[in-house]
Amino acid sequence: MIQTILHLSDTHGQHRKLKTLPDADVLVHSGDFAMAGTEKEILDFLDWFIGLPHPHKIFIAGNHDDFLYQANIEGLPGNTHYLCHSGIEIDGIYFYGLPMFVADDMSVSYKKQIVQIPHNTDVLISHQPPLGIRDYVGHVHLGSCSLLKQVTKVSPLYHLYGHAHEAHGMEKIGHTVYINSALTDNHYQLRYEPILLKM
């Protein structure tokens, strides 16, 4: 039974500096674990992530993780899941992952992918925030209007994301708790702590 979820995002190649992560039933990384998006960075992250002791681990790609664009990841352990427009049910909780790739964002593909988020989603994991909810950098909002509309329709228990550095934190609106767990600031320095959620 899932009782806790540990969420982090936007580690930008600094994951190995996170020496003592809290225990949780599920560990979720919502993208931008790389900086330049190279194969070397991705493999280093996977080596670290797979080795963590959490019973279940989920990750998606962010706009800095371009090596994973249209990639097919094989050989992951049974408790480690890469969600790319896909979902997985763990102990009755349905997790769905929506990555953010630059190529999709520059075309109509991203908006089409957003409307395909299933209505049975309990925990939505995206990289980009919904518009207006912990999506700010200064006075600029980095969130998606289309994503906000779809999340409002789906009404998951949790929406986990990052992308907007320094908008770290959580707030509840209606049925959904929105959590931005970006760990780095606008200078790509580790500044914040992962957020531990209790179901």
N, C-alpha and C. Protein backbone atom coordinates (compact mmCIF):
# COMPACT_ATOMS: atom_id res chain seq x y z
N MET A 1 0.85 -1.20 0.00
CA MET A 1 0.00 0.00 0.00
C MET A 1 0.88 1.26 0.00
N ILE A 2 0.59 2.18 -0.91
CA ILE A 2 1.37 3.41 -1.00
C ILE A 2 0.92 4.39 0.08
N GLN A 3 1.86 4.77 0.91
CA GLN A 3 1.57 5.76 1.95
C GLN A 3 2.33 7.07 1.74
N THR A 4 3.48 6.99 1.06
CA THR A 4 4.29 8.19 0.86
C THR A 4 4.87 8.24 -0.56
N ILE A 5 4.97 9.45 -1.08
CA ILE A 5 5.60 9.72 -2.38
C ILE A 5 6.65 10.81 -2.16
N LEU A 6 7.87 10.56 -2.61
CA LEU A 6 8.91 11.58 -2.55
C LEU A 6 9.10 12.15 -3.95
N HIS A 7 8.96 13.46 -4.08
CA HIS A 7 9.01 14.10 -5.39
C HIS A 7 10.19 15.05 -5.50
N LEU A 8 10.91 14.94 -6.63
CA LEU A 8 11.96 15.88 -6.95
C LEU A 8 11.97 16.14 -8.44
N SER A 9 12.57 17.26 -8.82
CA SER A 9 12.63 17.65 -10.23
C SER A 9 13.81 18.59 -10.42
N ASP A 10 14.21 18.75 -11.69
CA ASP A 10 15.20 19.76 -12.05
C ASP A 10 16.47 19.68 -11.21
N THR A 11 17.08 18.51 -11.22
CA THR A 11 18.37 18.36 -10.53
C THR A 11 19.54 18.73 -11.43
N HIS A 12 19.34 18.75 -12.74
CA HIS A 12 20.31 19.27 -13.70
C HIS A 12 21.73 18.76 -13.47
N GLY A 13 21.87 17.44 -13.43
CA GLY A 13 23.19 16.82 -13.33
C GLY A 13 23.79 16.79 -11.95
N GLN A 14 23.06 17.25 -10.95
CA GLN A 14 23.61 17.34 -9.60
C GLN A 14 22.98 16.31 -8.66
N HIS A 15 22.41 15.26 -9.23
CA HIS A 15 21.71 14.25 -8.43
C HIS A 15 22.61 13.58 -7.41
N ARG A 16 23.88 13.40 -7.73
CA ARG A 16 24.77 12.69 -6.80
C ARG A 16 25.12 13.53 -5.57
N LYS A 17 24.78 14.79 -5.59
CA LYS A 17 24.97 15.63 -4.41
C LYS A 17 23.85 15.42 -3.39
N LEU A 18 22.79 14.72 -3.80
CA LEU A 18 21.67 14.45 -2.89
C LEU A 18 22.00 13.19 -2.10
N LYS A 19 22.69 13.37 -1.00
CA LYS A 19 23.26 12.24 -0.27
C LYS A 19 22.24 11.48 0.57
N THR A 20 21.28 12.17 1.15
CA THR A 20 20.34 11.51 2.06
C THR A 20 18.90 11.85 1.69
N LEU A 21 18.35 11.09 0.77
CA LEU A 21 16.95 11.27 0.40
C LEU A 21 16.06 10.57 1.42
N PRO A 22 14.94 11.18 1.81
CA PRO A 22 14.02 10.52 2.74
C PRO A 22 13.45 9.23 2.17
N ASP A 23 13.09 8.32 3.04
CA ASP A 23 12.42 7.09 2.63
C ASP A 23 11.03 7.44 2.10
N ALA A 24 10.56 6.65 1.15
CA ALA A 24 9.20 6.79 0.62
C ALA A 24 8.86 5.52 -0.13
N ASP A 25 7.57 5.27 -0.28
CA ASP A 25 7.13 4.10 -1.04
C ASP A 25 7.38 4.28 -2.53
N VAL A 26 7.20 5.51 -3.02
CA VAL A 26 7.42 5.81 -4.43
C VAL A 26 8.28 7.07 -4.54
N LEU A 27 9.32 6.99 -5.36
CA LEU A 27 10.17 8.15 -5.66
C LEU A 27 9.86 8.60 -7.09
N VAL A 28 9.58 9.88 -7.26
CA VAL A 28 9.23 10.42 -8.57
C VAL A 28 10.18 11.57 -8.92
N HIS A 29 10.76 11.49 -10.13
CA HIS A 29 11.55 12.60 -10.66
C HIS A 29 10.84 13.08 -11.93
N SER A 30 10.47 14.36 -11.93
CA SER A 30 9.66 14.85 -13.05
C SER A 30 10.48 15.65 -14.07
N GLY A 31 11.70 15.21 -14.32
CA GLY A 31 12.43 15.69 -15.48
C GLY A 31 13.48 16.76 -15.23
N ASP A 32 14.27 17.01 -16.26
CA ASP A 32 15.46 17.87 -16.22
C ASP A 32 16.47 17.34 -15.20
N PHE A 33 16.77 16.05 -15.33
CA PHE A 33 17.86 15.48 -14.53
C PHE A 33 19.19 15.72 -15.22
N ALA A 34 19.17 16.10 -16.50
CA ALA A 34 20.38 16.42 -17.25
C ALA A 34 20.49 17.94 -17.42
N MET A 35 21.63 18.37 -17.97
CA MET A 35 21.80 19.78 -18.30
C MET A 35 21.84 19.94 -19.82
N ALA A 36 22.77 19.24 -20.48
CA ALA A 36 22.89 19.33 -21.94
C ALA A 36 22.10 18.26 -22.67
N GLY A 37 21.57 17.27 -21.92
CA GLY A 37 20.76 16.23 -22.54
C GLY A 37 21.56 15.16 -23.25
N THR A 38 22.81 14.95 -22.86
CA THR A 38 23.67 13.98 -23.54
C THR A 38 23.42 12.56 -23.04
N GLU A 39 23.87 11.60 -23.84
CA GLU A 39 23.75 10.21 -23.45
C GLU A 39 24.49 9.93 -22.15
N LYS A 40 25.67 10.51 -22.00
CA LYS A 40 26.47 10.31 -20.79
C LYS A 40 25.71 10.77 -19.55
N GLU A 41 25.07 11.93 -19.65
CA GLU A 41 24.30 12.45 -18.51
C GLU A 41 23.13 11.54 -18.17
N ILE A 42 22.43 11.09 -19.19
CA ILE A 42 21.27 10.23 -18.97
C ILE A 42 21.69 8.92 -18.30
N LEU A 43 22.77 8.32 -18.79
CA LEU A 43 23.24 7.05 -18.23
C LEU A 43 23.71 7.22 -16.79
N ASP A 44 24.35 8.34 -16.49
CA ASP A 44 24.78 8.58 -15.12
C ASP A 44 23.59 8.73 -14.19
N PHE A 45 22.57 9.45 -14.65
CA PHE A 45 21.36 9.58 -13.84
C PHE A 45 20.70 8.23 -13.60
N LEU A 46 20.58 7.43 -14.65
CA LEU A 46 19.93 6.12 -14.52
C LEU A 46 20.70 5.22 -13.55
N ASP A 47 22.01 5.25 -13.62
CA ASP A 47 22.83 4.46 -12.70
C ASP A 47 22.55 4.86 -11.26
N TRP A 48 22.46 6.15 -11.02
CA TRP A 48 22.15 6.66 -9.67
C TRP A 48 20.72 6.32 -9.26
N PHE A 49 19.79 6.58 -10.14
CA PHE A 49 18.37 6.43 -9.83
C PHE A 49 18.01 4.97 -9.55
N ILE A 50 18.50 4.09 -10.39
CA ILE A 50 18.23 2.66 -10.22
C ILE A 50 18.79 2.15 -8.89
N GLY A 51 19.91 2.71 -8.46
CA GLY A 51 20.55 2.25 -7.23
C GLY A 51 19.91 2.75 -5.96
N LEU A 52 18.96 3.65 -6.05
CA LEU A 52 18.30 4.16 -4.83
C LEU A 52 17.41 3.08 -4.22
N PRO A 53 17.25 3.11 -2.89
CA PRO A 53 16.57 2.00 -2.20
C PRO A 53 15.05 2.05 -2.19
N HIS A 54 14.45 3.05 -2.78
CA HIS A 54 12.99 3.19 -2.72
C HIS A 54 12.31 2.03 -3.47
N PRO A 55 11.24 1.49 -2.91
CA PRO A 55 10.59 0.31 -3.51
C PRO A 55 10.10 0.53 -4.94
N HIS A 56 9.60 1.71 -5.24
CA HIS A 56 9.13 2.03 -6.59
C HIS A 56 9.72 3.37 -7.01
N LYS A 57 10.17 3.44 -8.27
CA LYS A 57 10.78 4.66 -8.79
C LYS A 57 10.22 4.98 -10.18
N ILE A 58 9.86 6.24 -10.37
CA ILE A 58 9.27 6.70 -11.62
C ILE A 58 9.99 7.96 -12.07
N PHE A 59 10.26 8.06 -13.37
CA PHE A 59 10.83 9.30 -13.89
C PHE A 59 10.26 9.61 -15.27
N ILE A 60 10.27 10.88 -15.60
CA ILE A 60 9.88 11.34 -16.93
C ILE A 60 10.98 12.27 -17.45
N ALA A 61 10.87 12.67 -18.70
CA ALA A 61 11.87 13.55 -19.31
C ALA A 61 11.39 15.00 -19.30
N GLY A 62 12.37 15.91 -19.13
CA GLY A 62 12.11 17.33 -19.25
C GLY A 62 12.76 17.90 -20.49
N ASN A 63 12.67 19.19 -20.67
CA ASN A 63 13.19 19.82 -21.89
C ASN A 63 14.72 19.79 -21.98
N HIS A 64 15.42 19.46 -20.89
CA HIS A 64 16.88 19.31 -20.93
C HIS A 64 17.31 17.87 -21.17
N ASP A 65 16.37 16.97 -21.32
CA ASP A 65 16.69 15.54 -21.42
C ASP A 65 16.47 15.03 -22.85
N ASP A 66 16.95 15.79 -23.82
CA ASP A 66 16.63 15.54 -25.23
C ASP A 66 17.11 14.20 -25.76
N PHE A 67 18.12 13.59 -25.14
CA PHE A 67 18.58 12.29 -25.63
C PHE A 67 17.46 11.25 -25.57
N LEU A 68 16.50 11.46 -24.70
CA LEU A 68 15.40 10.51 -24.56
C LEU A 68 14.27 10.73 -25.57
N TYR A 69 14.39 11.75 -26.41
CA TYR A 69 13.33 12.00 -27.37
C TYR A 69 13.19 10.82 -28.33
N GLN A 70 12.01 10.23 -28.34
CA GLN A 70 11.68 9.06 -29.16
C GLN A 70 12.56 7.85 -28.83
N ALA A 71 13.14 7.85 -27.65
CA ALA A 71 13.99 6.72 -27.24
C ALA A 71 13.14 5.60 -26.64
N ASN A 72 13.63 4.40 -26.78
CA ASN A 72 12.98 3.23 -26.18
C ASN A 72 13.94 2.67 -25.12
N ILE A 73 13.61 2.88 -23.88
CA ILE A 73 14.48 2.43 -22.79
C ILE A 73 14.13 1.00 -22.43
N GLU A 74 15.12 0.14 -22.51
CA GLU A 74 14.93 -1.27 -22.17
C GLU A 74 15.87 -1.68 -21.05
N GLY A 75 15.49 -2.73 -20.34
CA GLY A 75 16.37 -3.30 -19.34
C GLY A 75 16.31 -2.65 -17.97
N LEU A 76 15.31 -1.81 -17.74
CA LEU A 76 15.17 -1.22 -16.40
C LEU A 76 14.69 -2.29 -15.42
N PRO A 77 15.11 -2.20 -14.17
CA PRO A 77 14.60 -3.13 -13.16
C PRO A 77 13.08 -3.02 -13.05
N GLY A 78 12.46 -4.05 -12.50
CA GLY A 78 11.00 -4.09 -12.42
C GLY A 78 10.39 -3.01 -11.57
N ASN A 79 11.18 -2.39 -10.68
CA ASN A 79 10.62 -1.36 -9.80
C ASN A 79 10.93 0.06 -10.29
N THR A 80 11.51 0.17 -11.50
CA THR A 80 11.89 1.48 -12.04
C THR A 80 11.15 1.70 -13.36
N HIS A 81 10.43 2.80 -13.46
CA HIS A 81 9.53 3.01 -14.59
C HIS A 81 9.78 4.36 -15.26
N TYR A 82 9.99 4.33 -16.57
CA TYR A 82 10.08 5.54 -17.38
C TYR A 82 8.72 5.74 -18.04
N LEU A 83 8.05 6.81 -17.67
CA LEU A 83 6.72 7.09 -18.22
C LEU A 83 6.83 8.17 -19.29
N CYS A 84 6.42 7.82 -20.50
CA CYS A 84 6.46 8.75 -21.63
C CYS A 84 5.12 8.63 -22.35
N HIS A 85 4.20 9.52 -22.02
CA HIS A 85 2.82 9.42 -22.51
C HIS A 85 2.27 8.04 -22.17
N SER A 86 2.53 7.62 -20.96
CA SER A 86 2.11 6.30 -20.51
C SER A 86 1.90 6.33 -19.01
N GLY A 87 1.29 5.26 -18.51
CA GLY A 87 1.00 5.21 -17.08
C GLY A 87 1.26 3.85 -16.50
N ILE A 88 1.21 3.79 -15.18
CA ILE A 88 1.37 2.54 -14.48
C ILE A 88 0.56 2.59 -13.19
N GLU A 89 -0.04 1.46 -12.86
CA GLU A 89 -0.79 1.37 -11.60
C GLU A 89 0.06 0.67 -10.57
N ILE A 90 0.22 1.28 -9.42
CA ILE A 90 0.97 0.70 -8.31
C ILE A 90 0.06 0.70 -7.09
N ASP A 91 -0.26 -0.47 -6.60
CA ASP A 91 -1.12 -0.61 -5.41
C ASP A 91 -2.41 0.20 -5.53
N GLY A 92 -3.01 0.15 -6.71
CA GLY A 92 -4.30 0.81 -6.91
C GLY A 92 -4.22 2.30 -7.22
N ILE A 93 -3.01 2.86 -7.27
CA ILE A 93 -2.82 4.28 -7.60
C ILE A 93 -2.29 4.37 -9.03
N TYR A 94 -2.97 5.14 -9.89
CA TYR A 94 -2.56 5.24 -11.29
C TYR A 94 -1.72 6.49 -11.50
N PHE A 95 -0.47 6.27 -11.92
CA PHE A 95 0.47 7.34 -12.23
C PHE A 95 0.55 7.50 -13.75
N TYR A 96 0.54 8.75 -14.21
CA TYR A 96 0.66 9.00 -15.65
C TYR A 96 1.74 10.04 -15.88
N GLY A 97 2.61 9.80 -16.89
CA GLY A 97 3.73 10.69 -17.15
C GLY A 97 3.62 11.42 -18.48
N LEU A 98 3.76 12.74 -18.43
CA LEU A 98 3.74 13.59 -19.62
C LEU A 98 5.09 14.31 -19.72
N PRO A 99 5.98 13.86 -20.61
CA PRO A 99 7.28 14.53 -20.75
C PRO A 99 7.14 15.87 -21.45
N MET A 100 8.26 16.60 -21.50
CA MET A 100 8.28 17.87 -22.23
C MET A 100 9.54 17.89 -23.09
N PHE A 101 9.35 17.65 -24.39
CA PHE A 101 10.46 17.70 -25.33
C PHE A 101 10.34 18.95 -26.19
N VAL A 102 11.45 19.58 -26.47
CA VAL A 102 11.46 20.82 -27.24
C VAL A 102 10.80 20.63 -28.60
N ALA A 103 11.11 19.52 -29.26
CA ALA A 103 10.55 19.27 -30.60
C ALA A 103 9.03 19.19 -30.57
N ASP A 104 8.47 18.57 -29.54
CA ASP A 104 7.02 18.48 -29.43
C ASP A 104 6.40 19.83 -29.08
N ASP A 105 7.09 20.57 -28.20
CA ASP A 105 6.57 21.86 -27.75
C ASP A 105 6.53 22.88 -28.89
N MET A 106 7.43 22.73 -29.86
CA MET A 106 7.48 23.66 -30.99
C MET A 106 6.48 23.30 -32.09
N SER A 107 5.80 22.18 -31.92
CA SER A 107 4.79 21.75 -32.89
C SER A 107 3.45 21.62 -32.18
N VAL A 108 2.47 21.08 -32.87
CA VAL A 108 1.16 20.88 -32.25
C VAL A 108 1.11 19.58 -31.45
N SER A 109 2.18 18.80 -31.50
CA SER A 109 2.18 17.48 -30.85
C SER A 109 1.93 17.58 -29.35
N TYR A 110 2.55 18.55 -28.70
CA TYR A 110 2.47 18.65 -27.24
C TYR A 110 1.03 18.87 -26.78
N LYS A 111 0.31 19.75 -27.45
CA LYS A 111 -1.08 20.00 -27.06
C LYS A 111 -1.95 18.76 -27.29
N LYS A 112 -1.66 18.02 -28.35
CA LYS A 112 -2.40 16.78 -28.60
C LYS A 112 -2.11 15.75 -27.51
N GLN A 113 -0.87 15.71 -27.05
CA GLN A 113 -0.49 14.77 -25.99
C GLN A 113 -1.16 15.13 -24.67
N ILE A 114 -1.30 16.41 -24.41
CA ILE A 114 -1.92 16.86 -23.16
C ILE A 114 -3.37 16.38 -23.06
N VAL A 115 -4.13 16.48 -24.15
CA VAL A 115 -5.54 16.11 -24.08
C VAL A 115 -5.73 14.60 -23.97
N GLN A 116 -4.66 13.84 -24.13
CA GLN A 116 -4.75 12.39 -24.00
C GLN A 116 -4.48 11.89 -22.58
N ILE A 117 -4.24 12.81 -21.64
CA ILE A 117 -4.06 12.41 -20.24
C ILE A 117 -5.33 11.71 -19.78
N PRO A 118 -5.23 10.47 -19.29
CA PRO A 118 -6.44 9.71 -18.94
C PRO A 118 -7.19 10.30 -17.75
N HIS A 119 -8.49 10.11 -17.77
CA HIS A 119 -9.34 10.65 -16.71
C HIS A 119 -9.28 9.81 -15.43
N ASN A 120 -8.64 8.65 -15.48
CA ASN A 120 -8.51 7.84 -14.26
C ASN A 120 -7.18 8.09 -13.56
N THR A 121 -6.47 9.15 -13.96
CA THR A 121 -5.15 9.45 -13.38
C THR A 121 -5.30 9.94 -11.94
N ASP A 122 -4.60 9.29 -11.03
CA ASP A 122 -4.55 9.72 -9.63
C ASP A 122 -3.39 10.67 -9.38
N VAL A 123 -2.22 10.35 -9.98
CA VAL A 123 -1.02 11.18 -9.82
C VAL A 123 -0.51 11.51 -11.22
N LEU A 124 -0.63 12.77 -11.60
CA LEU A 124 -0.12 13.23 -12.89
C LEU A 124 1.29 13.76 -12.69
N ILE A 125 2.22 13.26 -13.52
CA ILE A 125 3.60 13.72 -13.49
C ILE A 125 3.90 14.39 -14.81
N SER A 126 4.16 15.68 -14.78
CA SER A 126 4.56 16.40 -15.99
C SER A 126 5.83 17.17 -15.67
N HIS A 127 6.47 17.69 -16.70
CA HIS A 127 7.61 18.57 -16.42
C HIS A 127 7.14 20.01 -16.33
N GLN A 128 6.34 20.41 -17.27
CA GLN A 128 5.82 21.78 -17.28
C GLN A 128 4.67 21.92 -16.29
N PRO A 129 4.58 23.06 -15.61
CA PRO A 129 3.44 23.32 -14.73
C PRO A 129 2.19 23.70 -15.52
N PRO A 130 1.04 23.67 -14.85
CA PRO A 130 -0.15 24.29 -15.44
C PRO A 130 -0.04 25.81 -15.29
N LEU A 131 -0.65 26.52 -16.17
CA LEU A 131 -0.55 27.98 -16.17
C LEU A 131 -1.05 28.58 -14.86
N GLY A 132 -0.22 29.41 -14.24
CA GLY A 132 -0.63 30.19 -13.09
C GLY A 132 -0.50 29.51 -11.74
N ILE A 133 -0.04 28.25 -11.71
CA ILE A 133 0.07 27.54 -10.43
C ILE A 133 1.52 27.13 -10.22
N ARG A 134 2.23 27.89 -9.39
CA ARG A 134 3.65 27.63 -9.12
C ARG A 134 4.44 27.43 -10.42
N ASP A 135 4.24 28.39 -11.29
CA ASP A 135 4.88 28.30 -12.63
C ASP A 135 5.69 29.56 -12.96
N TYR A 136 5.96 30.38 -11.96
CA TYR A 136 6.54 31.68 -12.23
C TYR A 136 8.07 31.70 -12.09
N VAL A 137 8.68 32.53 -12.91
CA VAL A 137 10.08 32.92 -12.77
C VAL A 137 10.09 34.43 -12.83
N GLY A 138 10.23 35.07 -11.69
CA GLY A 138 10.02 36.51 -11.63
C GLY A 138 8.57 36.81 -11.91
N HIS A 139 8.32 37.60 -12.94
CA HIS A 139 6.94 37.92 -13.32
C HIS A 139 6.50 37.15 -14.56
N VAL A 140 7.31 36.18 -14.98
CA VAL A 140 7.01 35.40 -16.17
C VAL A 140 6.43 34.05 -15.77
N HIS A 141 5.32 33.66 -16.39
CA HIS A 141 4.70 32.37 -16.12
C HIS A 141 5.12 31.37 -17.20
N LEU A 142 5.62 30.21 -16.77
CA LEU A 142 6.11 29.18 -17.69
C LEU A 142 5.11 28.04 -17.89
N GLY A 143 3.94 28.18 -17.31
CA GLY A 143 2.95 27.11 -17.37
C GLY A 143 2.18 27.07 -18.67
N SER A 144 1.46 25.96 -18.85
CA SER A 144 0.68 25.72 -20.06
C SER A 144 -0.82 25.89 -19.78
N CYS A 145 -1.46 26.70 -20.61
CA CYS A 145 -2.92 26.87 -20.49
C CYS A 145 -3.63 25.57 -20.83
N SER A 146 -3.16 24.87 -21.86
CA SER A 146 -3.78 23.59 -22.25
C SER A 146 -3.68 22.57 -21.13
N LEU A 147 -2.54 22.55 -20.46
CA LEU A 147 -2.35 21.61 -19.36
C LEU A 147 -3.26 21.96 -18.20
N LEU A 148 -3.41 23.23 -17.90
CA LEU A 148 -4.33 23.64 -16.83
C LEU A 148 -5.75 23.17 -17.11
N LYS A 149 -6.20 23.33 -18.36
CA LYS A 149 -7.55 22.91 -18.73
C LYS A 149 -7.73 21.41 -18.55
N GLN A 150 -6.73 20.63 -18.98
CA GLN A 150 -6.85 19.18 -18.90
C GLN A 150 -6.77 18.69 -17.46
N VAL A 151 -5.89 19.27 -16.67
CA VAL A 151 -5.77 18.87 -15.26
C VAL A 151 -7.08 19.19 -14.53
N THR A 152 -7.68 20.31 -14.85
CA THR A 152 -8.96 20.66 -14.22
C THR A 152 -10.03 19.64 -14.56
N LYS A 153 -10.02 19.14 -15.80
CA LYS A 153 -10.98 18.11 -16.20
C LYS A 153 -10.71 16.77 -15.51
N VAL A 154 -9.44 16.38 -15.50
CA VAL A 154 -9.06 15.07 -14.95
C VAL A 154 -9.18 15.06 -13.43
N SER A 155 -8.81 16.16 -12.79
CA SER A 155 -8.88 16.32 -11.35
C SER A 155 -8.15 15.22 -10.58
N PRO A 156 -6.83 15.06 -10.83
CA PRO A 156 -6.07 14.04 -10.10
C PRO A 156 -5.89 14.44 -8.63
N LEU A 157 -5.48 13.49 -7.83
CA LEU A 157 -5.18 13.80 -6.43
C LEU A 157 -3.97 14.72 -6.34
N TYR A 158 -2.96 14.40 -7.16
CA TYR A 158 -1.72 15.17 -7.14
C TYR A 158 -1.28 15.47 -8.58
N HIS A 159 -0.73 16.66 -8.77
CA HIS A 159 -0.05 16.99 -10.02
C HIS A 159 1.37 17.39 -9.65
N LEU A 160 2.35 16.57 -10.08
CA LEU A 160 3.75 16.76 -9.74
C LEU A 160 4.49 17.30 -10.96
N TYR A 161 5.29 18.35 -10.76
CA TYR A 161 6.03 18.95 -11.88
C TYR A 161 7.22 19.75 -11.36
N GLY A 162 7.89 20.43 -12.28
CA GLY A 162 9.04 21.28 -11.94
C GLY A 162 9.11 22.41 -12.95
N HIS A 163 10.26 22.50 -13.66
CA HIS A 163 10.48 23.41 -14.79
C HIS A 163 10.64 24.86 -14.36
N ALA A 164 9.75 25.38 -13.55
CA ALA A 164 9.82 26.76 -13.10
C ALA A 164 10.67 26.81 -11.83
N HIS A 165 11.96 27.04 -12.01
CA HIS A 165 12.85 27.12 -10.86
C HIS A 165 12.41 28.26 -9.95
N GLU A 166 12.52 28.06 -8.69
CA GLU A 166 12.21 29.05 -7.66
C GLU A 166 10.70 29.22 -7.42
N ALA A 167 9.88 28.39 -8.08
CA ALA A 167 8.45 28.37 -7.75
C ALA A 167 8.16 27.13 -6.89
N HIS A 168 9.19 26.62 -6.26
CA HIS A 168 9.13 25.42 -5.43
C HIS A 168 8.05 25.56 -4.36
N GLY A 169 7.28 24.48 -4.16
CA GLY A 169 6.27 24.48 -3.12
C GLY A 169 5.02 23.77 -3.56
N MET A 170 4.00 23.84 -2.74
CA MET A 170 2.76 23.13 -3.04
C MET A 170 1.56 23.95 -2.61
N GLU A 171 0.44 23.70 -3.31
CA GLU A 171 -0.82 24.32 -2.92
C GLU A 171 -1.98 23.46 -3.43
N LYS A 172 -3.07 23.51 -2.71
CA LYS A 172 -4.24 22.74 -3.09
C LYS A 172 -5.29 23.65 -3.69
N ILE A 173 -5.79 23.26 -4.85
CA ILE A 173 -6.86 23.98 -5.51
C ILE A 173 -7.91 22.95 -5.88
N GLY A 174 -9.09 23.10 -5.31
CA GLY A 174 -10.14 22.12 -5.54
C GLY A 174 -9.74 20.76 -4.99
N HIS A 175 -9.83 19.74 -5.85
CA HIS A 175 -9.54 18.36 -5.44
C HIS A 175 -8.05 18.04 -5.55
N THR A 176 -7.29 18.89 -6.23
CA THR A 176 -5.91 18.55 -6.62
C THR A 176 -4.88 19.33 -5.81
N VAL A 177 -3.83 18.62 -5.39
CA VAL A 177 -2.67 19.26 -4.78
C VAL A 177 -1.60 19.40 -5.86
N TYR A 178 -1.15 20.62 -6.08
CA TYR A 178 -0.15 20.93 -7.10
C TYR A 178 1.21 21.09 -6.42
N ILE A 179 2.22 20.37 -6.93
CA ILE A 179 3.53 20.37 -6.29
C ILE A 179 4.63 20.63 -7.31
N ASN A 180 5.35 21.71 -7.11
CA ASN A 180 6.54 22.01 -7.90
C ASN A 180 7.75 21.68 -7.02
N SER A 181 8.50 20.66 -7.40
CA SER A 181 9.66 20.23 -6.61
C SER A 181 10.97 20.46 -7.34
N ALA A 182 11.07 21.54 -8.12
CA ALA A 182 12.35 21.90 -8.73
C ALA A 182 13.35 22.17 -7.61
N LEU A 183 14.51 21.52 -7.68
CA LEU A 183 15.49 21.63 -6.60
C LEU A 183 16.53 22.70 -6.84
N THR A 184 16.67 23.18 -8.08
CA THR A 184 17.68 24.18 -8.38
C THR A 184 17.05 25.55 -8.58
N ASP A 185 17.87 26.58 -8.36
CA ASP A 185 17.41 27.95 -8.59
C ASP A 185 17.68 28.36 -10.03
N ASN A 186 17.49 29.62 -10.33
CA ASN A 186 17.67 30.08 -11.71
C ASN A 186 19.11 30.07 -12.18
N HIS A 187 20.04 29.87 -11.25
CA HIS A 187 21.46 29.75 -11.60
C HIS A 187 21.90 28.29 -11.60
N TYR A 188 20.94 27.37 -11.57
CA TYR A 188 21.18 25.94 -11.59
C TYR A 188 22.00 25.45 -10.39
N GLN A 189 21.79 26.11 -9.26
CA GLN A 189 22.42 25.68 -8.02
C GLN A 189 21.37 24.99 -7.14
N LEU A 190 21.74 23.87 -6.52
CA LEU A 190 20.80 23.20 -5.63
C LEU A 190 20.41 24.13 -4.49
N ARG A 191 19.12 24.30 -4.31
CA ARG A 191 18.65 25.26 -3.30
C ARG A 191 17.52 24.68 -2.44
N TYR A 192 16.69 23.83 -3.02
CA TYR A 192 15.50 23.36 -2.33
C TYR A 192 15.60 21.87 -2.01
N GLU A 193 14.69 21.42 -1.15
CA GLU A 193 14.62 20.01 -0.75
C GLU A 193 13.48 19.31 -1.49
N PRO A 194 13.62 18.00 -1.74
CA PRO A 194 12.49 17.24 -2.29
C PRO A 194 11.27 17.34 -1.36
N ILE A 195 10.10 17.13 -1.91
CA ILE A 195 8.87 17.24 -1.13
C ILE A 195 8.30 15.84 -0.89
N LEU A 196 8.04 15.53 0.37
CA LEU A 196 7.50 14.24 0.78
C LEU A 196 6.00 14.38 0.97
N LEU A 197 5.24 13.57 0.22
CA LEU A 197 3.78 13.59 0.29
C LEU A 197 3.26 12.38 1.03
N LYS A 198 2.27 12.60 1.85
CA LYS A 198 1.62 11.49 2.57
C LYS A 198 0.24 11.29 2.00
N MET A 199 0.00 10.09 1.51
CA MET A 199 -1.29 9.79 0.86
C MET A 199 -2.42 9.72 1.89
